[in-house]
């Protein structure tokens, strides 16, 4: 649901994007590439792995 256009518009409007629940490495990496402001996950170990 989160895409580049949404993130850019939200940031232009001063809104932070913190999507949830990203639970796979692929989803987390995709969200990080979109420059979201935070990520909520049920698996913090995978989240840390994506750094």
C-alpha atoms as a PDB file:
ATOM      1  CA  UNK A   1       0.000   0.000   0.000  1.00  0.00           C
ATOM      2  CA  UNK A   2       2.907   2.387   0.680  1.00  0.00           C
ATOM      3  CA  UNK A   3       4.489   3.679  -2.490  1.00  0.00           C
ATOM      4  CA  UNK A   4       6.954   6.368  -3.543  1.00  0.00           C
ATOM      5  CA  UNK A   5       4.255   8.886  -4.461  1.00  0.00           C
ATOM      6  CA  UNK A   6       2.517   8.490  -1.094  1.00  0.00           C
ATOM      7  CA  UNK A   7       5.747   8.969   0.849  1.00  0.00           C
ATOM      8  CA  UNK A   8       6.765  12.044  -1.144  1.00  0.00           C
ATOM      9  CA  UNK A   9       3.331  13.664  -0.750  1.00  0.00           C
ATOM     10  CA  UNK A  10       3.176  12.895   2.958  1.00  0.00           C
ATOM     11  CA  UNK A  11       6.656  14.287   3.551  1.00  0.00           C
ATOM     12  CA  UNK A  12       5.823  17.413   1.527  1.00  0.00           C
ATOM     13  CA  UNK A  13       2.805  17.876   3.817  1.00  0.00           C
ATOM     14  CA  UNK A  14       4.938  17.349   6.933  1.00  0.00           C
ATOM     15  CA  UNK A  15       3.450  13.921   7.697  1.00  0.00           C
ATOM     16  CA  UNK A  16       5.616  11.014   8.823  1.00  0.00           C
ATOM     17  CA  UNK A  17       5.082   7.546   7.356  1.00  0.00           C
ATOM     18  CA  UNK A  18       5.523   4.624   9.758  1.00  0.00           C
ATOM     19  CA  UNK A  19       4.013   1.537   8.129  1.00  0.00           C
ATOM     20  CA  UNK A  20       3.142  -1.654   9.945  1.00  0.00           C
ATOM     21  CA  UNK A  21       3.356  -4.668  10.004  1.00  0.00           C
ATOM     22  CA  UNK A  22       6.344  -5.414   7.768  1.00  0.00           C
ATOM     23  CA  UNK A  23       7.435  -8.933   8.679  1.00  0.00           C
ATOM     24  CA  UNK A  24       9.650 -10.055   5.811  1.00  0.00           C
ATOM     25  CA  UNK A  25      13.141  -8.914   4.901  1.00  0.00           C
ATOM     26  CA  UNK A  26      11.953  -8.057   1.376  1.00  0.00           C
ATOM     27  CA  UNK A  27       9.104  -5.861   2.648  1.00  0.00           C
ATOM     28  CA  UNK A  28      11.366  -4.098   5.133  1.00  0.00           C
ATOM     29  CA  UNK A  29      14.030  -3.414   2.502  1.00  0.00           C
ATOM     30  CA  UNK A  30      11.387  -2.058   0.118  1.00  0.00           C
ATOM     31  CA  UNK A  31      10.052   0.314   2.779  1.00  0.00           C
ATOM     32  CA  UNK A  32      13.551   1.493   3.691  1.00  0.00           C
ATOM     33  CA  UNK A  33      14.226   2.234   0.018  1.00  0.00           C
ATOM     34  CA  UNK A  34      11.100   4.419   0.009  1.00  0.00           C
ATOM     35  CA  UNK A  35      12.586   6.471   2.884  1.00  0.00           C
ATOM     36  CA  UNK A  36       9.763   5.872   5.340  1.00  0.00           C
ATOM     37  CA  UNK A  37      10.243   7.409   8.774  1.00  0.00           C
ATOM     38  CA  UNK A  38       9.943   4.178  10.728  1.00  0.00           C
ATOM     39  CA  UNK A  39       8.825   0.564  10.425  1.00  0.00           C
ATOM     40  CA  UNK A  40       6.773  -1.516  12.818  1.00  0.00           C
ATOM     41  CA  UNK A  41       7.368  -5.273  12.713  1.00  0.00           C
ATOM     42  CA  UNK A  42       6.513  -8.349  14.733  1.00  0.00           C
ATOM     43  CA  UNK A  43      10.080  -9.504  14.099  1.00  0.00           C
ATOM     44  CA  UNK A  44      12.649  -6.945  15.291  1.00  0.00           C
ATOM     45  CA  UNK A  45      15.457  -9.395  14.517  1.00  0.00           C
ATOM     46  CA  UNK A  46      14.575  -9.204  10.809  1.00  0.00           C
ATOM     47  CA  UNK A  47      14.261  -5.432  11.063  1.00  0.00           C
ATOM     48  CA  UNK A  48      17.792  -5.194  12.481  1.00  0.00           C
ATOM     49  CA  UNK A  49      19.048  -7.574   9.774  1.00  0.00           C
ATOM     50  CA  UNK A  50      17.857  -5.100   7.104  1.00  0.00           C
ATOM     51  CA  UNK A  51      20.334  -2.418   8.239  1.00  0.00           C
END
